[in-house]
N, C-alpha and C. Protein backbone atom coordinates (compact mmCIF):
# COMPACT_ATOMS: atom_id res chain seq x y z
N MET A 1 -218.34 20.91 81.61
CA MET A 1 -219.48 21.50 80.92
C MET A 1 -220.68 20.57 81.06
N LEU A 2 -221.83 21.11 81.39
CA LEU A 2 -223.06 20.34 81.53
C LEU A 2 -223.66 20.07 80.17
N PRO A 3 -224.24 18.87 79.99
CA PRO A 3 -224.88 18.59 78.71
C PRO A 3 -226.10 19.50 78.53
N ALA A 4 -226.37 19.84 77.30
CA ALA A 4 -227.52 20.68 76.99
C ALA A 4 -228.80 19.94 77.30
N LYS A 5 -229.74 20.65 77.88
CA LYS A 5 -231.05 20.05 78.18
C LYS A 5 -231.93 20.19 76.93
N VAL A 6 -232.48 19.09 76.51
CA VAL A 6 -233.35 19.10 75.34
C VAL A 6 -234.79 19.26 75.82
N ILE A 7 -235.43 20.28 75.33
CA ILE A 7 -236.82 20.52 75.68
C ILE A 7 -237.66 20.19 74.45
N ARG A 8 -238.58 19.28 74.63
CA ARG A 8 -239.44 18.86 73.52
C ARG A 8 -240.78 19.57 73.63
N HIS A 9 -241.31 19.95 72.51
CA HIS A 9 -242.66 20.50 72.47
C HIS A 9 -243.62 19.36 72.17
N ARG A 10 -244.49 19.10 73.07
CA ARG A 10 -245.49 18.05 72.88
C ARG A 10 -246.75 18.68 72.30
N PHE A 11 -247.36 17.98 71.35
CA PHE A 11 -248.56 18.47 70.70
C PHE A 11 -249.79 17.82 71.32
N SER A 12 -250.84 18.59 71.47
CA SER A 12 -252.13 18.02 71.87
C SER A 12 -252.80 17.47 70.61
N THR A 13 -253.84 16.69 70.80
CA THR A 13 -254.56 16.17 69.63
C THR A 13 -255.19 17.33 68.86
N GLU A 14 -255.60 18.38 69.57
CA GLU A 14 -256.19 19.54 68.90
C GLU A 14 -255.16 20.22 68.00
N GLU A 15 -253.94 20.41 68.50
CA GLU A 15 -252.88 21.03 67.71
C GLU A 15 -252.54 20.14 66.50
N TYR A 16 -252.50 18.86 66.73
CA TYR A 16 -252.22 17.88 65.66
C TYR A 16 -253.25 18.02 64.54
N HIS A 17 -254.51 18.11 64.91
CA HIS A 17 -255.58 18.26 63.92
C HIS A 17 -255.49 19.60 63.21
N LYS A 18 -255.12 20.65 63.93
CA LYS A 18 -254.98 21.97 63.31
C LYS A 18 -253.85 21.98 62.29
N MET A 19 -252.77 21.21 62.56
CA MET A 19 -251.68 21.11 61.59
C MET A 19 -252.18 20.47 60.29
N ALA A 20 -253.06 19.50 60.41
CA ALA A 20 -253.63 18.87 59.22
C ALA A 20 -254.55 19.85 58.49
N GLU A 21 -255.37 20.57 59.25
CA GLU A 21 -256.27 21.55 58.64
C GLU A 21 -255.50 22.66 57.93
N ALA A 22 -254.35 23.04 58.47
CA ALA A 22 -253.54 24.11 57.89
C ALA A 22 -252.67 23.63 56.72
N GLY A 23 -252.67 22.32 56.47
CA GLY A 23 -251.88 21.78 55.37
C GLY A 23 -250.44 21.45 55.73
N ILE A 24 -250.09 21.56 57.01
CA ILE A 24 -248.73 21.20 57.45
C ILE A 24 -248.57 19.69 57.37
N LEU A 25 -249.59 18.99 57.82
CA LEU A 25 -249.65 17.54 57.66
C LEU A 25 -250.66 17.25 56.57
N HIS A 26 -250.35 16.30 55.71
CA HIS A 26 -251.23 15.97 54.60
C HIS A 26 -251.90 14.64 54.85
N GLU A 27 -253.03 14.43 54.21
CA GLU A 27 -253.82 13.22 54.39
C GLU A 27 -253.02 11.95 54.11
N ASP A 28 -252.10 12.02 53.17
CA ASP A 28 -251.33 10.82 52.83
C ASP A 28 -250.00 10.72 53.58
N ASP A 29 -249.74 11.64 54.53
CA ASP A 29 -248.56 11.50 55.39
C ASP A 29 -248.78 10.31 56.31
N ARG A 30 -247.78 9.44 56.40
CA ARG A 30 -247.89 8.25 57.26
C ARG A 30 -247.31 8.58 58.62
N VAL A 31 -248.14 9.28 59.43
CA VAL A 31 -247.72 9.67 60.78
C VAL A 31 -248.84 9.37 61.76
N GLU A 32 -248.46 9.29 63.04
CA GLU A 32 -249.43 9.16 64.11
C GLU A 32 -248.92 9.94 65.30
N LEU A 33 -249.81 10.30 66.20
CA LEU A 33 -249.45 11.07 67.39
C LEU A 33 -249.32 10.11 68.57
N ILE A 34 -248.10 10.00 69.11
CA ILE A 34 -247.82 9.10 70.23
C ILE A 34 -247.10 9.90 71.30
N GLY A 35 -247.69 9.97 72.47
CA GLY A 35 -247.07 10.70 73.57
C GLY A 35 -246.86 12.17 73.25
N GLY A 36 -247.74 12.74 72.41
CA GLY A 36 -247.64 14.14 72.04
C GLY A 36 -246.61 14.42 70.96
N GLU A 37 -245.96 13.37 70.45
CA GLU A 37 -244.96 13.55 69.39
C GLU A 37 -245.49 12.96 68.08
N ILE A 38 -245.17 13.61 66.99
CA ILE A 38 -245.56 13.12 65.68
C ILE A 38 -244.52 12.09 65.24
N VAL A 39 -244.98 10.87 65.04
CA VAL A 39 -244.09 9.74 64.75
C VAL A 39 -244.34 9.26 63.33
N ASP A 40 -243.25 9.12 62.55
CA ASP A 40 -243.36 8.54 61.21
C ASP A 40 -243.68 7.06 61.34
N MET A 41 -244.59 6.60 60.51
CA MET A 41 -244.94 5.18 60.49
C MET A 41 -244.09 4.48 59.43
N THR A 42 -243.79 3.23 59.69
CA THR A 42 -243.00 2.42 58.77
C THR A 42 -243.78 2.18 57.48
N PRO A 43 -243.11 2.21 56.33
CA PRO A 43 -243.80 1.89 55.07
C PRO A 43 -244.42 0.49 55.12
N ILE A 44 -245.50 0.33 54.42
CA ILE A 44 -246.22 -0.94 54.40
C ILE A 44 -245.58 -1.87 53.38
N GLY A 45 -245.13 -3.03 53.85
CA GLY A 45 -244.54 -4.04 52.98
C GLY A 45 -245.60 -4.99 52.44
N ALA A 46 -245.20 -5.86 51.52
CA ALA A 46 -246.13 -6.78 50.85
C ALA A 46 -246.80 -7.74 51.83
N ARG A 47 -246.04 -8.32 52.77
CA ARG A 47 -246.64 -9.27 53.73
C ARG A 47 -247.63 -8.56 54.64
N HIS A 48 -247.27 -7.37 55.09
CA HIS A 48 -248.14 -6.57 55.95
C HIS A 48 -249.45 -6.25 55.21
N LEU A 49 -249.32 -5.77 53.98
CA LEU A 49 -250.49 -5.43 53.17
C LEU A 49 -251.40 -6.64 52.99
N ALA A 50 -250.82 -7.78 52.62
CA ALA A 50 -251.61 -8.99 52.39
C ALA A 50 -252.35 -9.42 53.66
N CYS A 51 -251.70 -9.30 54.81
CA CYS A 51 -252.33 -9.69 56.07
C CYS A 51 -253.47 -8.74 56.42
N VAL A 52 -253.26 -7.43 56.27
CA VAL A 52 -254.32 -6.46 56.59
C VAL A 52 -255.52 -6.66 55.67
N VAL A 53 -255.28 -6.90 54.39
CA VAL A 53 -256.38 -7.13 53.45
C VAL A 53 -257.14 -8.40 53.83
N ALA A 54 -256.41 -9.48 54.13
CA ALA A 54 -257.07 -10.74 54.51
C ALA A 54 -257.88 -10.56 55.79
N LEU A 55 -257.28 -9.91 56.80
CA LEU A 55 -257.99 -9.69 58.06
C LEU A 55 -259.23 -8.81 57.86
N THR A 56 -259.11 -7.79 57.04
CA THR A 56 -260.26 -6.93 56.76
C THR A 56 -261.39 -7.75 56.18
N HIS A 57 -261.08 -8.59 55.20
CA HIS A 57 -262.09 -9.44 54.58
C HIS A 57 -262.73 -10.38 55.60
N LEU A 58 -261.89 -11.04 56.41
CA LEU A 58 -262.41 -11.98 57.41
C LEU A 58 -263.30 -11.28 58.44
N LEU A 59 -262.87 -10.11 58.89
CA LEU A 59 -263.63 -9.38 59.91
C LEU A 59 -264.95 -8.85 59.37
N VAL A 60 -264.93 -8.31 58.16
CA VAL A 60 -266.17 -7.81 57.56
C VAL A 60 -267.14 -8.97 57.35
N ALA A 61 -266.63 -10.10 56.86
CA ALA A 61 -267.48 -11.26 56.61
C ALA A 61 -268.11 -11.79 57.90
N SER A 62 -267.39 -11.70 59.01
CA SER A 62 -267.91 -12.24 60.26
C SER A 62 -268.72 -11.21 61.07
N SER A 63 -268.73 -9.97 60.64
CA SER A 63 -269.37 -8.92 61.46
C SER A 63 -270.88 -9.05 61.55
N ALA A 64 -271.53 -9.41 60.47
CA ALA A 64 -272.99 -9.54 60.46
C ALA A 64 -273.67 -8.32 61.08
N GLY A 65 -273.08 -7.14 60.87
CA GLY A 65 -273.68 -5.91 61.38
C GLY A 65 -273.47 -5.66 62.86
N ARG A 66 -272.72 -6.53 63.54
CA ARG A 66 -272.50 -6.38 64.99
C ARG A 66 -271.45 -5.33 65.31
N TYR A 67 -270.56 -5.04 64.36
CA TYR A 67 -269.51 -4.04 64.57
C TYR A 67 -269.06 -3.53 63.21
N PHE A 68 -268.27 -2.46 63.22
CA PHE A 68 -267.74 -1.87 62.00
C PHE A 68 -266.23 -2.04 61.99
N VAL A 69 -265.68 -2.38 60.83
CA VAL A 69 -264.25 -2.59 60.67
C VAL A 69 -263.63 -1.30 60.14
N SER A 70 -262.63 -0.80 60.84
CA SER A 70 -261.93 0.41 60.44
C SER A 70 -260.48 0.03 60.16
N ALA A 71 -260.04 0.26 58.92
CA ALA A 71 -258.69 -0.13 58.50
C ALA A 71 -257.78 1.09 58.43
N GLN A 72 -256.71 1.05 59.23
CA GLN A 72 -255.64 2.04 59.23
C GLN A 72 -256.16 3.46 59.39
N ASN A 73 -257.09 3.61 60.33
CA ASN A 73 -257.65 4.92 60.68
C ASN A 73 -257.35 5.21 62.15
N PRO A 74 -257.28 6.51 62.50
CA PRO A 74 -256.91 6.86 63.87
C PRO A 74 -258.01 6.58 64.89
N ILE A 75 -257.56 6.38 66.12
CA ILE A 75 -258.46 6.40 67.27
C ILE A 75 -257.84 7.37 68.28
N SER A 76 -258.68 8.12 68.95
CA SER A 76 -258.21 9.13 69.89
C SER A 76 -258.20 8.55 71.30
N LEU A 77 -257.01 8.48 71.90
CA LEU A 77 -256.89 7.92 73.24
C LEU A 77 -256.71 9.01 74.29
N GLY A 78 -256.68 10.28 73.86
CA GLY A 78 -256.49 11.39 74.79
C GLY A 78 -255.04 11.49 75.21
N GLY A 79 -254.73 12.56 75.92
CA GLY A 79 -253.38 12.72 76.44
C GLY A 79 -252.29 12.79 75.40
N GLY A 80 -252.59 13.27 74.21
CA GLY A 80 -251.57 13.37 73.16
C GLY A 80 -251.32 12.07 72.43
N ASP A 81 -252.29 11.14 72.46
CA ASP A 81 -252.14 9.86 71.76
C ASP A 81 -253.27 9.66 70.76
N GLU A 82 -252.89 9.56 69.50
CA GLU A 82 -253.84 9.25 68.44
C GLU A 82 -253.20 8.27 67.46
N PRO A 83 -253.07 7.02 67.90
CA PRO A 83 -252.45 6.01 67.04
C PRO A 83 -253.38 5.62 65.89
N GLN A 84 -252.78 4.99 64.89
CA GLN A 84 -253.54 4.46 63.76
C GLN A 84 -253.33 2.95 63.70
N PRO A 85 -254.13 2.19 64.44
CA PRO A 85 -253.97 0.74 64.38
C PRO A 85 -254.25 0.23 62.97
N ASP A 86 -253.68 -0.92 62.65
CA ASP A 86 -253.94 -1.49 61.33
C ASP A 86 -255.42 -1.77 61.15
N LEU A 87 -256.05 -2.28 62.19
CA LEU A 87 -257.50 -2.52 62.16
C LEU A 87 -258.08 -2.24 63.53
N SER A 88 -259.29 -1.75 63.54
CA SER A 88 -260.03 -1.66 64.80
C SER A 88 -261.47 -2.06 64.53
N LEU A 89 -262.07 -2.67 65.52
CA LEU A 89 -263.49 -3.00 65.45
C LEU A 89 -264.22 -1.99 66.30
N LEU A 90 -265.16 -1.30 65.69
CA LEU A 90 -265.89 -0.23 66.36
C LEU A 90 -267.31 -0.68 66.68
N LYS A 91 -267.82 -0.21 67.80
CA LYS A 91 -269.18 -0.57 68.21
C LYS A 91 -270.22 -0.03 67.25
N GLU A 92 -269.96 1.12 66.67
CA GLU A 92 -270.90 1.70 65.72
C GLU A 92 -270.15 2.49 64.66
N ARG A 93 -270.85 2.81 63.60
CA ARG A 93 -270.25 3.57 62.51
C ARG A 93 -269.90 4.98 63.01
N PRO A 94 -268.67 5.46 62.71
CA PRO A 94 -268.31 6.82 63.11
C PRO A 94 -269.23 7.84 62.44
N ARG A 95 -269.59 8.86 63.20
CA ARG A 95 -270.45 9.92 62.68
C ARG A 95 -269.60 11.00 62.02
N PRO A 96 -269.99 11.49 60.85
CA PRO A 96 -269.22 12.55 60.20
C PRO A 96 -269.15 13.84 61.03
N ASP A 97 -270.14 14.07 61.88
CA ASP A 97 -270.17 15.29 62.70
C ASP A 97 -269.56 15.08 64.09
N ALA A 98 -268.85 13.99 64.30
CA ALA A 98 -268.32 13.67 65.64
C ALA A 98 -267.23 14.62 66.10
N GLY A 99 -266.56 15.29 65.17
CA GLY A 99 -265.52 16.23 65.55
C GLY A 99 -264.16 15.60 65.79
N GLY A 100 -264.03 14.32 65.56
CA GLY A 100 -262.74 13.65 65.74
C GLY A 100 -262.89 12.16 65.60
N PRO A 101 -261.77 11.46 65.70
CA PRO A 101 -261.80 10.00 65.57
C PRO A 101 -262.52 9.33 66.74
N PRO A 102 -262.89 8.07 66.58
CA PRO A 102 -263.49 7.33 67.69
C PRO A 102 -262.55 7.29 68.89
N GLY A 103 -263.13 7.22 70.08
CA GLY A 103 -262.35 7.11 71.31
C GLY A 103 -262.39 5.69 71.85
N PRO A 104 -261.71 5.45 72.96
CA PRO A 104 -261.63 4.09 73.52
C PRO A 104 -263.00 3.47 73.81
N GLU A 105 -263.94 4.31 74.20
CA GLU A 105 -265.29 3.81 74.51
C GLU A 105 -266.00 3.28 73.27
N ASP A 106 -265.52 3.63 72.08
CA ASP A 106 -266.13 3.20 70.82
C ASP A 106 -265.49 1.94 70.25
N VAL A 107 -264.39 1.48 70.84
CA VAL A 107 -263.56 0.43 70.26
C VAL A 107 -263.74 -0.90 71.00
N LEU A 108 -264.00 -1.96 70.25
CA LEU A 108 -264.09 -3.31 70.82
C LEU A 108 -262.72 -3.97 70.89
N LEU A 109 -261.94 -3.82 69.81
CA LEU A 109 -260.59 -4.37 69.78
C LEU A 109 -259.77 -3.69 68.71
N VAL A 110 -258.46 -3.71 68.88
CA VAL A 110 -257.53 -3.19 67.88
C VAL A 110 -256.57 -4.30 67.48
N ILE A 111 -256.08 -4.19 66.25
CA ILE A 111 -255.13 -5.17 65.72
C ILE A 111 -253.94 -4.43 65.12
N GLU A 112 -252.75 -4.83 65.52
CA GLU A 112 -251.52 -4.33 64.92
C GLU A 112 -250.85 -5.50 64.20
N VAL A 113 -250.57 -5.32 62.92
CA VAL A 113 -249.86 -6.33 62.13
C VAL A 113 -248.40 -5.94 62.14
N SER A 114 -247.55 -6.85 62.61
CA SER A 114 -246.13 -6.57 62.80
C SER A 114 -245.28 -7.45 61.90
N ASP A 115 -244.60 -6.79 60.99
CA ASP A 115 -243.61 -7.49 60.17
C ASP A 115 -242.23 -6.98 60.60
N THR A 116 -242.06 -5.65 60.57
CA THR A 116 -240.80 -5.04 61.01
C THR A 116 -240.99 -4.16 62.25
N THR A 117 -242.20 -4.13 62.81
CA THR A 117 -242.52 -3.18 63.89
C THR A 117 -242.88 -3.86 65.21
N LEU A 118 -242.47 -5.09 65.40
CA LEU A 118 -242.92 -5.85 66.58
C LEU A 118 -242.58 -5.15 67.89
N ALA A 119 -241.36 -4.69 68.07
CA ALA A 119 -240.97 -4.03 69.32
C ALA A 119 -241.79 -2.77 69.55
N TYR A 120 -242.00 -1.98 68.52
CA TYR A 120 -242.80 -0.75 68.64
C TYR A 120 -244.25 -1.08 69.01
N ASP A 121 -244.83 -2.08 68.35
CA ASP A 121 -246.21 -2.45 68.63
C ASP A 121 -246.38 -2.99 70.05
N ARG A 122 -245.43 -3.79 70.51
CA ARG A 122 -245.51 -4.36 71.86
C ARG A 122 -245.14 -3.35 72.95
N ASP A 123 -244.06 -2.62 72.74
CA ASP A 123 -243.51 -1.77 73.81
C ASP A 123 -244.14 -0.38 73.89
N ILE A 124 -244.64 0.13 72.77
CA ILE A 124 -245.20 1.48 72.75
C ILE A 124 -246.72 1.46 72.61
N LYS A 125 -247.21 0.81 71.59
CA LYS A 125 -248.64 0.88 71.30
C LYS A 125 -249.49 0.02 72.24
N LEU A 126 -249.05 -1.19 72.53
CA LEU A 126 -249.83 -2.07 73.41
C LEU A 126 -250.12 -1.40 74.76
N PRO A 127 -249.13 -0.82 75.46
CA PRO A 127 -249.44 -0.15 76.73
C PRO A 127 -250.41 1.04 76.57
N LEU A 128 -250.34 1.74 75.43
CA LEU A 128 -251.28 2.85 75.19
C LEU A 128 -252.71 2.34 75.13
N TYR A 129 -252.91 1.26 74.37
CA TYR A 129 -254.25 0.69 74.24
C TYR A 129 -254.76 0.18 75.59
N ALA A 130 -253.90 -0.48 76.35
CA ALA A 130 -254.30 -1.00 77.66
C ALA A 130 -254.66 0.14 78.61
N ARG A 131 -253.81 1.16 78.67
CA ARG A 131 -254.04 2.30 79.56
C ARG A 131 -255.37 3.00 79.22
N ALA A 132 -255.72 3.02 77.93
CA ALA A 132 -256.97 3.65 77.49
C ALA A 132 -258.19 2.76 77.76
N GLY A 133 -257.94 1.49 78.12
CA GLY A 133 -259.05 0.59 78.42
C GLY A 133 -259.62 -0.14 77.22
N ILE A 134 -258.87 -0.20 76.11
CA ILE A 134 -259.33 -0.99 74.96
C ILE A 134 -259.39 -2.44 75.42
N PRO A 135 -260.55 -3.09 75.35
CA PRO A 135 -260.71 -4.41 75.97
C PRO A 135 -259.84 -5.53 75.40
N GLU A 136 -259.49 -5.43 74.11
CA GLU A 136 -258.74 -6.52 73.49
C GLU A 136 -257.82 -5.94 72.42
N MET A 137 -256.59 -6.49 72.35
CA MET A 137 -255.60 -6.05 71.36
C MET A 137 -254.91 -7.27 70.80
N TRP A 138 -254.81 -7.35 69.48
CA TRP A 138 -254.11 -8.45 68.84
C TRP A 138 -252.81 -7.92 68.23
N VAL A 139 -251.75 -8.69 68.37
CA VAL A 139 -250.51 -8.43 67.67
C VAL A 139 -250.30 -9.61 66.73
N VAL A 140 -250.33 -9.34 65.43
CA VAL A 140 -250.09 -10.38 64.44
C VAL A 140 -248.61 -10.31 64.09
N ASP A 141 -247.85 -11.24 64.63
CA ASP A 141 -246.39 -11.29 64.45
C ASP A 141 -246.09 -12.14 63.22
N LEU A 142 -245.92 -11.48 62.07
CA LEU A 142 -245.72 -12.20 60.82
C LEU A 142 -244.38 -12.93 60.76
N ARG A 143 -243.36 -12.37 61.37
CA ARG A 143 -242.03 -13.01 61.32
C ARG A 143 -242.01 -14.35 62.04
N ASN A 144 -242.70 -14.43 63.17
CA ASN A 144 -242.69 -15.66 63.96
C ASN A 144 -243.94 -16.51 63.76
N GLY A 145 -244.87 -16.05 62.92
CA GLY A 145 -246.07 -16.83 62.64
C GLY A 145 -246.96 -17.03 63.85
N VAL A 146 -247.17 -15.95 64.61
CA VAL A 146 -247.96 -16.04 65.84
C VAL A 146 -248.94 -14.86 65.92
N VAL A 147 -250.12 -15.13 66.44
CA VAL A 147 -251.07 -14.06 66.77
C VAL A 147 -251.21 -14.05 68.28
N GLU A 148 -250.91 -12.91 68.88
CA GLU A 148 -251.05 -12.73 70.33
C GLU A 148 -252.37 -12.01 70.58
N VAL A 149 -253.18 -12.55 71.48
CA VAL A 149 -254.43 -11.91 71.85
C VAL A 149 -254.29 -11.44 73.30
N HIS A 150 -254.31 -10.13 73.48
CA HIS A 150 -254.14 -9.50 74.79
C HIS A 150 -255.50 -9.03 75.29
N THR A 151 -255.84 -9.41 76.53
CA THR A 151 -257.11 -9.00 77.13
C THR A 151 -256.87 -8.58 78.59
N GLU A 152 -257.89 -8.08 79.21
CA GLU A 152 -257.86 -7.59 80.59
C GLU A 152 -256.88 -6.43 80.74
N PRO A 153 -257.25 -5.26 80.17
CA PRO A 153 -256.35 -4.11 80.20
C PRO A 153 -256.06 -3.63 81.62
N ARG A 154 -254.80 -3.26 81.83
CA ARG A 154 -254.31 -2.69 83.09
C ARG A 154 -253.49 -1.47 82.73
N THR A 155 -253.01 -0.74 83.71
CA THR A 155 -252.23 0.48 83.48
C THR A 155 -250.99 0.21 82.63
N GLY A 156 -250.24 -0.84 82.91
CA GLY A 156 -248.98 -1.09 82.20
C GLY A 156 -249.08 -2.03 81.03
N GLY A 157 -250.23 -2.61 80.79
CA GLY A 157 -250.37 -3.58 79.71
C GLY A 157 -251.64 -4.39 79.90
N TYR A 158 -251.63 -5.58 79.41
CA TYR A 158 -252.78 -6.48 79.53
C TYR A 158 -252.41 -7.64 80.44
N ALA A 159 -253.36 -8.06 81.27
CA ALA A 159 -253.10 -9.11 82.25
C ALA A 159 -253.08 -10.50 81.62
N SER A 160 -253.78 -10.67 80.51
CA SER A 160 -253.88 -11.99 79.90
C SER A 160 -253.38 -11.96 78.45
N VAL A 161 -252.59 -12.96 78.09
CA VAL A 161 -252.09 -13.10 76.72
C VAL A 161 -252.27 -14.55 76.29
N ARG A 162 -252.91 -14.73 75.14
CA ARG A 162 -253.00 -16.06 74.52
C ARG A 162 -252.30 -15.98 73.18
N ARG A 163 -251.61 -17.05 72.82
CA ARG A 163 -250.88 -17.10 71.55
C ARG A 163 -251.45 -18.21 70.66
N TYR A 164 -251.58 -17.86 69.39
CA TYR A 164 -252.06 -18.80 68.39
C TYR A 164 -251.02 -18.88 67.29
N ASP A 165 -250.75 -20.10 66.80
CA ASP A 165 -249.83 -20.24 65.67
C ASP A 165 -250.50 -21.10 64.60
N ARG A 166 -249.75 -21.42 63.57
CA ARG A 166 -250.32 -22.17 62.43
C ARG A 166 -250.87 -23.54 62.83
N GLY A 167 -250.44 -24.07 63.95
CA GLY A 167 -250.95 -25.34 64.44
C GLY A 167 -252.34 -25.25 65.04
N ASP A 168 -252.80 -24.04 65.31
CA ASP A 168 -254.14 -23.83 65.87
C ASP A 168 -255.13 -23.62 64.73
N ASP A 169 -256.29 -24.23 64.85
CA ASP A 169 -257.30 -24.10 63.80
C ASP A 169 -257.93 -22.71 63.78
N GLU A 170 -258.33 -22.25 64.96
CA GLU A 170 -259.08 -21.00 64.99
C GLU A 170 -258.71 -20.14 66.19
N LEU A 171 -258.93 -18.86 66.01
CA LEU A 171 -258.71 -17.87 67.06
C LEU A 171 -260.09 -17.38 67.48
N ARG A 172 -260.32 -17.39 68.79
CA ARG A 172 -261.60 -16.91 69.33
C ARG A 172 -261.36 -15.65 70.15
N SER A 173 -262.07 -14.61 69.81
CA SER A 173 -262.00 -13.38 70.59
C SER A 173 -262.63 -13.62 71.96
N GLU A 174 -262.01 -13.04 72.98
CA GLU A 174 -262.58 -13.15 74.32
C GLU A 174 -263.62 -12.08 74.59
N THR A 175 -263.57 -10.98 73.85
CA THR A 175 -264.46 -9.86 74.16
C THR A 175 -265.52 -9.58 73.10
N VAL A 176 -265.35 -10.12 71.89
CA VAL A 176 -266.34 -9.91 70.83
C VAL A 176 -267.04 -11.25 70.61
N PRO A 177 -268.30 -11.35 71.05
CA PRO A 177 -269.02 -12.62 70.94
C PRO A 177 -269.04 -13.15 69.50
N ASP A 178 -268.81 -14.43 69.37
CA ASP A 178 -268.89 -15.14 68.09
C ASP A 178 -267.85 -14.71 67.06
N LEU A 179 -266.80 -14.01 67.48
CA LEU A 179 -265.72 -13.68 66.54
C LEU A 179 -264.70 -14.81 66.59
N ILE A 180 -264.76 -15.64 65.54
CA ILE A 180 -263.89 -16.81 65.42
C ILE A 180 -263.28 -16.77 64.02
N LEU A 181 -261.95 -16.73 63.95
CA LEU A 181 -261.26 -16.63 62.67
C LEU A 181 -260.25 -17.76 62.50
N PRO A 182 -260.08 -18.25 61.27
CA PRO A 182 -259.07 -19.29 61.02
C PRO A 182 -257.66 -18.70 61.10
N VAL A 183 -256.83 -19.26 61.96
CA VAL A 183 -255.49 -18.72 62.18
C VAL A 183 -254.67 -18.77 60.90
N GLY A 184 -254.76 -19.84 60.13
CA GLY A 184 -254.00 -19.96 58.89
C GLY A 184 -254.30 -18.86 57.90
N GLU A 185 -255.55 -18.42 57.85
CA GLU A 185 -255.91 -17.34 56.92
C GLU A 185 -255.41 -15.98 57.42
N ILE A 186 -255.28 -15.81 58.72
CA ILE A 186 -254.72 -14.58 59.27
C ILE A 186 -253.24 -14.49 58.93
N LEU A 187 -252.53 -15.58 59.17
CA LEU A 187 -251.07 -15.57 58.99
C LEU A 187 -250.64 -15.77 57.55
N GLY A 188 -251.54 -16.23 56.70
CA GLY A 188 -251.23 -16.38 55.27
C GLY A 188 -250.45 -17.64 54.95
């Protein structure tokens, strides 16, 4: 007997948005669209929350109006991908009449804070951001006390990776001028 073939229905970003408009998906549902599939997001733990709050504060304080900080909001990457990074730095404030979330051309960098989601953030989300051309992506690995800064996006990932740990004083963005943050305050 041949195994049954599983046929998956992939959703477009338009269908995904229509599900929200129809009340099938609710504003407080913790889901994101990855590869055309609706994926449940992991609940936010105390360490993750503390890191996102600290990073939000640091990024807003250093922005000086040069960029906008978006916390846990979607970005549209096309092709059935609408992830919700923990933080993204946007070139300009999103317009209410834009008709959808910011796209890759609007994003300077994205940050994923990983406490229990490291493999998902590295293996699934990082390649999505690189393929979309997001210039810089940070993975804050709370378990190992490391911040990875990925730059030079390519089809399969990023060509350059720098790692910062508690022994480093500061983290310098390669793509956002004058963005310098204390590593100890990021990692807590």
